[in-house]
Amino acid sequence: MSTLKPETRDLQKSLEEDVEAALNPGEAQGYYRDTRECAALLLIAGAALLSPPAPRPKK
């Protein structure tokens, strides 16, 4: 049996759980877009940025 005090064992167990969680993270919480959706948004944004400016009326 271990000779560690109960508080030390609890702390050690807690630290082991924290390290295990850090080394094996689960899937991050958040909203992830589909690759095709991202590609479509990128094409639309690129087309808007590359389109020529609207003509200005002559004075």
C-alpha atoms as a PDB file:
ATOM      1  CA  MET A   1       0.000   0.000   0.000  1.00  0.00           C
ATOM      2  CA  SER A   2       1.100   3.541  -0.661  1.00  0.00           C
ATOM      3  CA  THR A   3       2.537   5.602   2.181  1.00  0.00           C
ATOM      4  CA  LEU A   4       1.206   8.881   0.757  1.00  0.00           C
ATOM      5  CA  LYS A   5      -1.254  10.952   2.737  1.00  0.00           C
ATOM      6  CA  PRO A   6      -4.851  11.010   1.444  1.00  0.00           C
ATOM      7  CA  GLU A   7      -4.536  14.661   0.358  1.00  0.00           C
ATOM      8  CA  THR A   8      -1.384  13.863  -1.598  1.00  0.00           C
ATOM      9  CA  ARG A   9      -3.027  10.866  -3.265  1.00  0.00           C
ATOM     10  CA  ASP A  10      -6.026  13.001  -4.240  1.00  0.00           C
ATOM     11  CA  LEU A  11      -3.748  15.698  -5.651  1.00  0.00           C
ATOM     12  CA  GLN A  12      -1.681  13.123  -7.518  1.00  0.00           C
ATOM     13  CA  LYS A  13      -4.807  11.523  -8.989  1.00  0.00           C
ATOM     14  CA  SER A  14      -6.143  14.938  -9.997  1.00  0.00           C
ATOM     15  CA  LEU A  15      -2.846  15.851 -11.657  1.00  0.00           C
ATOM     16  CA  GLU A  16      -2.737  12.522 -13.491  1.00  0.00           C
ATOM     17  CA  GLU A  17      -6.265  13.129 -14.803  1.00  0.00           C
ATOM     18  CA  ASP A  18      -5.331  16.664 -15.921  1.00  0.00           C
ATOM     19  CA  VAL A  19      -2.223  15.439 -17.721  1.00  0.00           C
ATOM     20  CA  GLU A  20      -4.166  12.609 -19.360  1.00  0.00           C
ATOM     21  CA  ALA A  21      -6.836  15.052 -20.532  1.00  0.00           C
ATOM     22  CA  ALA A  22      -4.182  17.400 -21.924  1.00  0.00           C
ATOM     23  CA  LEU A  23      -2.431  14.605 -23.800  1.00  0.00           C
ATOM     24  CA  ASN A  24      -5.650  13.124 -25.196  1.00  0.00           C
ATOM     25  CA  PRO A  25      -7.978  16.039 -25.911  1.00  0.00           C
ATOM     26  CA  GLY A  26     -11.466  15.315 -27.115  1.00  0.00           C
ATOM     27  CA  GLU A  27     -12.981  17.040 -30.109  1.00  0.00           C
ATOM     28  CA  ALA A  28     -13.015  20.779 -29.605  1.00  0.00           C
ATOM     29  CA  GLN A  29     -16.372  22.439 -29.130  1.00  0.00           C
ATOM     30  CA  GLY A  30     -17.318  24.760 -31.936  1.00  0.00           C
ATOM     31  CA  TYR A  31     -18.872  25.113 -35.350  1.00  0.00           C
ATOM     32  CA  TYR A  32     -16.895  23.711 -38.236  1.00  0.00           C
ATOM     33  CA  ARG A  33     -17.887  24.283 -41.828  1.00  0.00           C
ATOM     34  CA  ASP A  34     -17.835  21.713 -44.563  1.00  0.00           C
ATOM     35  CA  THR A  35     -14.840  22.012 -46.912  1.00  0.00           C
ATOM     36  CA  ARG A  36     -17.111  22.520 -49.923  1.00  0.00           C
ATOM     37  CA  GLU A  37     -18.959  25.284 -48.109  1.00  0.00           C
ATOM     38  CA  CYS A  38     -15.663  27.013 -47.276  1.00  0.00           C
ATOM     39  CA  ALA A  39     -14.510  26.730 -50.891  1.00  0.00           C
ATOM     40  CA  ALA A  40     -17.752  28.274 -52.145  1.00  0.00           C
ATOM     41  CA  LEU A  41     -17.505  31.155 -49.679  1.00  0.00           C
ATOM     42  CA  LEU A  42     -13.891  31.746 -50.681  1.00  0.00           C
ATOM     43  CA  LEU A  43     -14.803  31.852 -54.385  1.00  0.00           C
ATOM     44  CA  ILE A  44     -17.642  34.310 -53.762  1.00  0.00           C
ATOM     45  CA  ALA A  45     -15.450  36.567 -51.600  1.00  0.00           C
ATOM     46  CA  GLY A  46     -12.641  36.402 -54.168  1.00  0.00           C
ATOM     47  CA  ALA A  47     -14.978  37.262 -57.012  1.00  0.00           C
ATOM     48  CA  ALA A  48     -16.315  40.252 -55.087  1.00  0.00           C
ATOM     49  CA  LEU A  49     -12.817  41.522 -54.383  1.00  0.00           C
ATOM     50  CA  LEU A  50     -11.562  41.002 -57.931  1.00  0.00           C
ATOM     51  CA  SER A  51     -14.580  42.513 -59.721  1.00  0.00           C
ATOM     52  CA  PRO A  52     -13.990  45.950 -61.281  1.00  0.00           C
ATOM     53  CA  PRO A  53     -15.408  48.969 -59.455  1.00  0.00           C
ATOM     54  CA  ALA A  54     -18.767  50.380 -60.463  1.00  0.00           C
ATOM     55  CA  PRO A  55     -18.483  53.063 -63.163  1.00  0.00           C
ATOM     56  CA  ARG A  56     -18.741  56.640 -61.954  1.00  0.00           C
ATOM     57  CA  PRO A  57     -20.972  59.092 -63.724  1.00  0.00           C
ATOM     58  CA  LYS A  58     -19.175  61.700 -65.846  1.00  0.00           C
ATOM     59  CA  LYS A  59     -19.397  65.300 -64.722  1.00  0.00           C
END
